[in-house]
Amino acid sequence: MDFDLHEHPHRRYNPLTGEYILVSPHRMKRPWQGQVEKSEEEIRPQHDPDCYLCPGNSRVGGEQNPQYKNTFVFTNDFAALKEDVPSGSLEKGDLLRAKSEKGICKVICFSPRHDLTLPQMEVSEIVKVIELWQKEYQELGSHPEINYVQIFENKGQMMGCSNPHPHGQIWAQSTVPMEPVLECKHQGDYLQKYGRSLLEDYVKQELEEKERIVLENEHFVTLVPFWAVWPFETMIISKRHIANILQFTKEEKQAYAQMLKQLTILYDNLFETSFPYSAGIHQSPTDGLEYKEWHFHHHFYPPLLRSATVKKFMVGYEMLGDPQRDITAESSAERLRNLPRVHYKESKP
């Protein structure tokens, strides 16, 4: 019997982190007795007087939002990181260690409209979001005590989002977090070994095989990574080897906005629901070093598995051993790729 990637259990390697995932494609043939129904679509107003992110409303901390017309950013009223943390540490031998961490946390409202999400926004409006990401990455990264700026979005109650108003967050801190540290190391090792960008070579190989490509335009590719953990996980990767969001040309910024809109439309169309996910940008740290190895990319980690209400859980073996998935990266890419490009709400009479 010959080994078949689409039939037999196997482990896949993640070259960005050095980690592995167990893939069990044969389990897709087992009977399913879980939920499959669609969730009821929530109808939200354009402006919610009780929303602390809507224009003109008061936030929990007492500050009043301006009557903003496009994007709006403010320092998080309940930030996980703070600037005024005294320097200090605790060390009790090699086993008990702690060190103070300084940082700045911000909230970015994508739109003044309470009822919109990225797939329903105009490309020109998403460009304004990208421009604000650029501004905040540059300004926060220029602080002498800020060495990494993490831009991300949690969408949907399923991902712990406490407010449905379209928004994301930025956590900027003095230490580079572990996930970017791993990606930095493996990209650096690859550059030293081959003299080329890891993700540039990876994109070229994926474009040749085409099996895991979901979307493509002149400047960006969206694909399901060969090593994807979540059922419909994707990455947006720049075709050009650039380290961070500040290096975009005007054309790349427009193409990136188009890609964000197109991908999130596909997600919503998959189960005809406002698709939940955690997503974030990985780019070079801001500690003043060059980071020739870094290649800009945007991760999307959505939890939904079989319907608008059934999600994948990380339990049992996955918490104690390796992550595991049943649906292969190739089959999830095919499903996303074949979905309509028009948002399901716009296509209904």
Protein backbone atom coordinates (compact mmCIF):
# COMPACT_ATOMS: atom_id res chain seq x y z
CA MET A 1 0.00 0.00 0.00
CA ASP A 2 1.36 3.42 -0.98
CA PHE A 3 1.14 6.29 1.49
CA ASP A 4 -1.63 8.76 0.56
CA LEU A 5 -1.55 12.24 2.11
CA HIS A 6 -5.34 12.48 1.76
CA GLU A 7 -6.15 9.06 3.28
CA HIS A 8 -3.59 8.13 5.93
CA PRO A 9 -2.64 9.68 9.30
CA HIS A 10 0.53 11.75 9.13
CA ARG A 11 2.36 14.65 10.78
CA ARG A 12 2.99 17.93 9.00
CA TYR A 13 5.85 20.30 9.77
CA ASN A 14 5.45 24.05 10.30
CA PRO A 15 8.68 25.66 9.00
CA LEU A 16 7.80 29.00 10.63
CA THR A 17 7.75 27.62 14.18
CA GLY A 18 9.41 24.20 14.00
CA GLU A 19 6.26 22.55 15.39
CA TYR A 20 4.22 19.62 14.07
CA ILE A 21 0.52 18.84 13.64
CA LEU A 22 -1.15 15.43 13.40
CA VAL A 23 -3.50 15.12 10.38
CA SER A 24 -6.11 12.31 10.35
CA PRO A 25 -8.01 12.62 7.04
CA HIS A 26 -9.66 9.18 7.34
CA ARG A 27 -11.69 10.48 10.30
CA MET A 28 -13.77 12.61 7.91
CA LYS A 29 -15.53 9.38 6.92
CA ARG A 30 -16.91 8.78 10.41
CA PRO A 31 -20.61 9.48 11.05
CA TRP A 32 -21.40 12.91 12.48
CA GLN A 33 -24.17 13.37 15.03
CA GLY A 34 -23.33 16.89 16.14
CA GLN A 35 -25.10 20.12 15.39
CA VAL A 36 -25.38 21.31 11.79
CA GLU A 37 -28.08 23.98 11.94
CA LYS A 38 -27.49 27.58 10.96
CA SER A 39 -27.42 30.21 13.67
CA GLU A 40 -29.96 33.00 13.66
CA GLU A 41 -28.54 36.09 12.01
CA GLU A 42 -28.18 39.01 14.40
CA ILE A 43 -29.54 42.29 13.03
CA ARG A 44 -27.69 45.29 14.40
CA PRO A 45 -28.47 49.01 14.02
CA GLN A 46 -26.07 51.38 12.28
CA HIS A 47 -25.67 53.19 15.60
CA ASP A 48 -26.21 51.64 19.01
CA PRO A 49 -26.69 54.19 21.82
CA ASP A 50 -25.47 51.60 24.34
CA CYS A 51 -22.28 50.70 22.45
CA TYR A 52 -19.12 52.17 23.98
CA LEU A 53 -17.37 52.14 20.57
CA CYS A 54 -19.99 54.02 18.52
CA PRO A 55 -19.37 57.69 17.64
CA GLY A 56 -20.45 60.20 20.29
CA ASN A 57 -21.06 57.56 22.97
CA SER A 58 -19.40 57.40 26.38
CA ARG A 59 -16.93 54.62 27.10
CA VAL A 60 -16.83 52.64 30.33
CA GLY A 61 -13.99 54.78 31.66
CA GLY A 62 -16.03 57.97 31.22
CA GLU A 63 -14.32 59.29 28.06
CA GLN A 64 -16.62 60.36 25.22
CA ASN A 65 -15.93 59.19 21.67
CA PRO A 66 -15.73 61.89 19.00
CA GLN A 67 -18.17 61.89 16.10
CA TYR A 68 -15.62 60.04 13.98
CA LYS A 69 -16.42 59.44 10.30
CA ASN A 70 -13.88 56.76 9.35
CA THR A 71 -11.52 55.03 11.79
CA PHE A 72 -10.93 55.86 15.45
CA VAL A 73 -8.20 54.75 17.86
CA PHE A 74 -7.86 55.14 21.62
CA THR A 75 -5.87 53.67 24.49
CA ASN A 76 -7.70 50.66 25.91
CA ASP A 77 -9.62 51.58 29.07
CA PHE A 78 -8.87 48.10 30.47
CA ALA A 79 -5.42 47.47 29.01
CA ALA A 80 -3.53 44.21 29.57
CA LEU A 81 -0.26 46.17 29.44
CA LYS A 82 0.54 49.56 30.98
CA GLU A 83 3.29 52.14 30.56
CA ASP A 84 3.66 53.05 34.23
CA VAL A 85 4.76 49.64 35.51
CA PRO A 86 7.76 49.86 37.86
CA SER A 87 10.81 47.87 36.81
CA GLY A 88 11.30 44.77 38.87
CA SER A 89 11.76 41.02 38.87
CA LEU A 90 11.47 37.91 41.02
CA GLU A 91 13.94 35.06 40.93
CA LYS A 92 13.91 32.07 43.25
CA GLY A 93 16.50 29.75 41.78
CA ASP A 94 15.93 28.48 38.25
CA LEU A 95 12.28 27.54 38.76
CA LEU A 96 10.40 30.66 39.88
CA ARG A 97 11.05 33.67 37.67
CA ALA A 98 9.05 36.79 36.80
CA LYS A 99 9.87 40.17 35.32
CA SER A 100 7.81 43.34 34.95
CA GLU A 101 6.51 44.11 31.45
CA LYS A 102 5.67 47.55 30.09
CA GLY A 103 3.41 48.21 27.15
CA ILE A 104 0.59 50.12 25.50
CA CYS A 105 -2.74 48.67 24.40
CA LYS A 106 -5.00 50.41 21.90
CA VAL A 107 -8.41 49.78 20.37
CA ILE A 108 -9.03 50.56 16.68
CA CYS A 109 -12.59 51.08 15.44
CA PHE A 110 -12.71 50.10 11.77
CA SER A 111 -15.90 52.03 10.99
CA PRO A 112 -18.40 54.36 12.69
CA ARG A 113 -21.18 51.97 11.66
CA HIS A 114 -22.11 49.46 14.34
CA ASP A 115 -23.67 47.03 11.84
CA LEU A 116 -20.67 46.47 9.55
CA THR A 117 -17.76 44.03 9.50
CA LEU A 118 -14.73 43.96 7.18
CA PRO A 119 -16.43 41.96 4.37
CA GLN A 120 -19.26 44.52 4.22
CA MET A 121 -16.99 47.57 4.16
CA GLU A 122 -15.79 49.24 0.96
CA VAL A 123 -12.19 48.61 -0.11
CA SER A 124 -11.49 52.34 0.29
CA GLU A 125 -12.66 52.10 3.92
CA ILE A 126 -10.40 49.11 4.58
CA VAL A 127 -7.48 51.10 3.13
CA LYS A 128 -8.08 53.67 5.90
CA VAL A 129 -7.86 50.85 8.47
CA ILE A 130 -4.52 49.75 6.97
CA GLU A 131 -3.25 53.34 7.04
CA LEU A 132 -4.13 53.56 10.73
CA TRP A 133 -2.31 50.26 11.35
CA GLN A 134 0.73 51.78 9.63
CA LYS A 135 0.54 54.95 11.71
CA GLU A 136 0.21 53.08 15.00
CA TYR A 137 2.94 50.56 14.13
CA GLN A 138 5.33 53.44 13.40
CA GLU A 139 4.39 55.62 16.38
CA LEU A 140 4.25 52.85 18.96
CA GLY A 141 7.37 51.21 17.60
CA SER A 142 9.30 54.46 17.96
CA HIS A 143 8.94 54.36 21.76
CA PRO A 144 12.31 53.35 23.24
CA GLU A 145 10.67 50.74 25.50
CA ILE A 146 8.48 49.18 22.79
CA ASN A 147 10.16 46.36 20.89
CA TYR A 148 7.16 44.60 19.37
CA VAL A 149 3.78 45.78 18.04
CA GLN A 150 1.06 43.14 17.66
CA ILE A 151 -1.93 44.16 15.51
CA PHE A 152 -4.87 41.75 15.78
CA GLU A 153 -8.64 41.29 15.65
CA ASN A 154 -10.95 38.99 17.61
CA LYS A 155 -14.24 38.73 15.75
CA GLY A 156 -17.38 37.21 17.23
CA GLN A 157 -18.56 36.10 20.66
CA MET A 158 -17.12 32.65 19.98
CA MET A 159 -13.66 34.23 20.04
CA GLY A 160 -14.33 36.14 23.25
CA CYS A 161 -15.10 39.44 21.57
CA SER A 162 -17.04 41.58 24.08
CA ASN A 163 -18.43 44.10 21.57
CA PRO A 164 -19.79 43.44 18.03
CA HIS A 165 -18.82 46.92 16.77
CA PRO A 166 -16.14 46.39 14.04
CA HIS A 167 -12.82 46.84 15.80
CA GLY A 168 -9.39 45.40 16.43
CA GLN A 169 -6.60 45.85 18.93
CA ILE A 170 -2.90 46.66 19.16
CA TRP A 171 -0.72 45.44 22.00
CA ALA A 172 2.74 46.98 21.99
CA GLN A 173 5.27 45.74 24.52
CA SER A 174 8.90 45.71 25.59
CA THR A 175 9.43 41.98 24.99
CA VAL A 176 8.98 40.13 21.70
CA PRO A 177 6.30 37.43 22.35
CA MET A 178 7.06 33.74 21.91
CA GLU A 179 5.24 33.11 18.60
CA PRO A 180 7.10 35.90 16.74
CA VAL A 181 10.33 34.77 18.42
CA LEU A 182 9.88 31.28 16.94
CA GLU A 183 9.00 32.67 13.51
CA CYS A 184 11.99 35.01 13.65
CA LYS A 185 14.38 32.17 14.46
CA HIS A 186 13.15 29.84 11.73
CA GLN A 187 12.99 32.56 9.08
CA GLY A 188 16.51 33.58 10.10
CA ASP A 189 17.82 30.01 9.90
CA TYR A 190 16.29 29.61 6.42
CA LEU A 191 17.77 32.90 5.18
CA GLN A 192 21.20 31.95 6.48
CA LYS A 193 21.01 28.51 4.84
CA TYR A 194 19.55 29.47 1.44
CA GLY A 195 20.04 33.24 1.18
CA ARG A 196 16.31 33.69 0.46
CA SER A 197 13.09 34.46 2.32
CA LEU A 198 11.34 31.36 3.71
CA LEU A 199 7.86 32.66 2.86
CA GLU A 200 8.90 33.95 -0.56
CA ASP A 201 10.05 30.43 -1.48
CA TYR A 202 6.96 28.92 0.13
CA VAL A 203 4.59 31.17 -1.84
CA LYS A 204 6.36 30.27 -5.10
CA GLN A 205 5.98 26.55 -4.38
CA GLU A 206 2.30 26.93 -3.42
CA LEU A 207 1.59 28.92 -6.61
CA GLU A 208 3.11 26.09 -8.63
CA GLU A 209 1.04 23.40 -6.89
CA LYS A 210 -2.13 25.59 -6.60
CA GLU A 211 -3.81 22.99 -4.34
CA ARG A 212 -3.90 25.18 -1.23
CA ILE A 213 -4.33 28.61 -2.89
CA VAL A 214 -7.59 30.36 -2.03
CA LEU A 215 -7.12 33.84 -3.53
CA GLU A 216 -4.43 35.64 -5.50
CA ASN A 217 -3.88 39.14 -6.83
CA GLU A 218 -0.85 40.98 -8.17
CA HIS A 219 0.73 41.57 -4.77
CA PHE A 220 -0.70 39.04 -2.28
CA VAL A 221 -1.65 35.39 -1.95
CA THR A 222 -4.18 33.89 0.44
CA LEU A 223 -3.66 30.20 1.13
CA VAL A 224 -4.41 27.46 3.62
CA PRO A 225 -0.96 26.63 5.04
CA PHE A 226 0.24 23.07 4.50
CA TRP A 227 0.61 22.89 8.31
CA ALA A 228 -2.71 24.60 9.20
CA VAL A 229 -4.16 23.68 12.61
CA TRP A 230 -7.64 25.24 12.46
CA PRO A 231 -10.17 23.78 9.95
CA PHE A 232 -10.30 26.86 7.70
CA GLU A 233 -7.11 28.60 8.78
CA THR A 234 -5.51 30.89 6.18
CA MET A 235 -2.56 33.21 5.69
CA ILE A 236 -2.31 36.34 3.58
CA ILE A 237 1.31 36.62 2.43
CA SER A 238 2.93 39.42 0.44
CA LYS A 239 4.51 38.21 -2.79
CA ARG A 240 7.30 40.73 -2.36
CA HIS A 241 9.74 40.12 0.47
CA ILE A 242 8.96 43.01 2.81
CA ALA A 243 9.49 43.03 6.58
CA ASN A 244 6.63 45.21 7.79
CA ILE A 245 3.53 47.20 6.91
CA LEU A 246 5.44 50.46 6.47
CA GLN A 247 7.14 49.11 3.34
CA PHE A 248 3.91 48.79 1.33
CA THR A 249 3.66 50.67 -1.94
CA LYS A 250 0.37 52.46 -2.69
CA GLU A 251 -0.57 49.57 -5.00
CA GLU A 252 0.25 46.94 -2.36
CA LYS A 253 -1.87 48.75 0.21
CA GLN A 254 -4.84 48.71 -2.18
CA ALA A 255 -4.27 45.04 -3.04
CA TYR A 256 -4.02 44.12 0.65
CA ALA A 257 -7.36 45.85 1.36
CA GLN A 258 -8.97 43.97 -1.54
CA MET A 259 -7.59 40.68 -0.21
CA LEU A 260 -8.91 41.32 3.31
CA LYS A 261 -12.37 42.03 1.91
CA GLN A 262 -12.41 39.04 -0.44
CA LEU A 263 -11.18 36.55 2.18
CA THR A 264 -13.67 37.66 4.83
CA ILE A 265 -16.50 37.45 2.25
CA LEU A 266 -15.53 33.82 1.60
CA TYR A 267 -15.51 33.13 5.31
CA ASP A 268 -19.00 34.60 5.78
CA ASN A 269 -20.28 32.68 2.75
CA LEU A 270 -18.98 29.32 4.01
CA PHE A 271 -21.75 28.84 6.58
CA GLU A 272 -23.77 31.99 5.76
CA THR A 273 -22.95 33.62 9.07
CA SER A 274 -20.76 36.43 10.35
CA PHE A 275 -17.68 34.20 10.54
CA PRO A 276 -15.73 34.36 13.83
CA TYR A 277 -11.93 34.31 13.93
CA SER A 278 -8.82 35.57 15.60
CA ALA A 279 -6.50 37.21 13.09
CA GLY A 280 -3.29 39.15 13.33
CA ILE A 281 -0.29 40.53 11.49
CA HIS A 282 3.20 39.11 11.96
CA GLN A 283 5.94 41.52 10.98
CA SER A 284 9.39 42.63 12.11
CA PRO A 285 10.00 43.74 15.72
CA THR A 286 10.56 47.45 16.41
CA ASP A 287 13.77 47.25 18.46
CA GLY A 288 15.89 48.96 15.79
CA LEU A 289 17.52 45.84 14.35
CA GLU A 290 17.37 45.11 10.62
CA TYR A 291 15.51 41.74 10.46
CA LYS A 292 16.25 40.87 6.83
CA GLU A 293 14.63 37.47 7.41
CA TRP A 294 11.16 38.79 8.24
CA HIS A 295 8.45 38.41 5.60
CA PHE A 296 5.09 40.15 6.15
CA HIS A 297 2.07 37.86 6.64
CA HIS A 298 -1.39 37.92 8.21
CA HIS A 299 -2.75 34.86 10.07
CA PHE A 300 -6.46 33.97 10.28
CA TYR A 301 -7.50 31.39 12.87
CA PRO A 302 -11.26 30.64 12.62
CA PRO A 303 -12.81 28.05 14.96
CA LEU A 304 -15.86 26.92 12.96
CA LEU A 305 -15.76 23.30 11.83
CA ARG A 306 -19.02 22.04 10.29
CA SER A 307 -21.64 24.78 10.62
CA ALA A 308 -22.28 28.21 12.06
CA THR A 309 -22.51 26.71 15.53
CA VAL A 310 -20.09 23.76 15.58
CA LYS A 311 -16.51 24.71 16.38
CA LYS A 312 -13.24 22.87 16.78
CA PHE A 313 -11.98 22.48 20.33
CA MET A 314 -8.39 22.05 21.41
CA VAL A 315 -8.81 19.23 23.93
CA GLY A 316 -7.31 15.95 25.10
CA TYR A 317 -4.41 14.88 22.90
CA GLU A 318 -4.12 18.38 21.44
CA MET A 319 -3.48 19.89 24.87
CA LEU A 320 -1.14 17.09 25.94
CA GLY A 321 0.55 16.13 22.67
CA ASP A 322 0.31 17.92 19.30
CA PRO A 323 -2.47 19.85 17.55
CA GLN A 324 -4.64 17.58 15.36
CA ARG A 325 -7.07 18.06 12.48
CA ASP A 326 -9.25 15.80 10.33
CA ILE A 327 -10.10 17.99 7.33
CA THR A 328 -6.95 18.43 5.25
CA ALA A 329 -5.54 21.81 4.28
CA GLU A 330 -6.16 20.89 0.63
CA SER A 331 -9.86 20.14 1.07
CA SER A 332 -10.55 23.26 3.15
CA ALA A 333 -8.74 25.41 0.56
CA GLU A 334 -10.90 23.88 -2.18
CA ARG A 335 -14.09 24.63 -0.26
CA LEU A 336 -13.10 28.26 0.33
CA ARG A 337 -11.84 28.72 -3.23
CA ASN A 338 -15.11 27.52 -4.76
CA LEU A 339 -17.39 29.80 -2.73
CA PRO A 340 -19.19 32.78 -4.35
CA ARG A 341 -17.22 36.03 -4.35
CA VAL A 342 -20.33 38.10 -3.55
CA HIS A 343 -21.38 38.33 0.10
CA TYR A 344 -24.36 36.09 0.81
CA LYS A 345 -26.38 39.00 2.24
CA GLU A 346 -25.98 40.93 -1.03
CA SER A 347 -26.97 37.95 -3.19
CA LYS A 348 -30.27 37.33 -1.35
CA PRO A 349 -33.43 39.04 -2.68
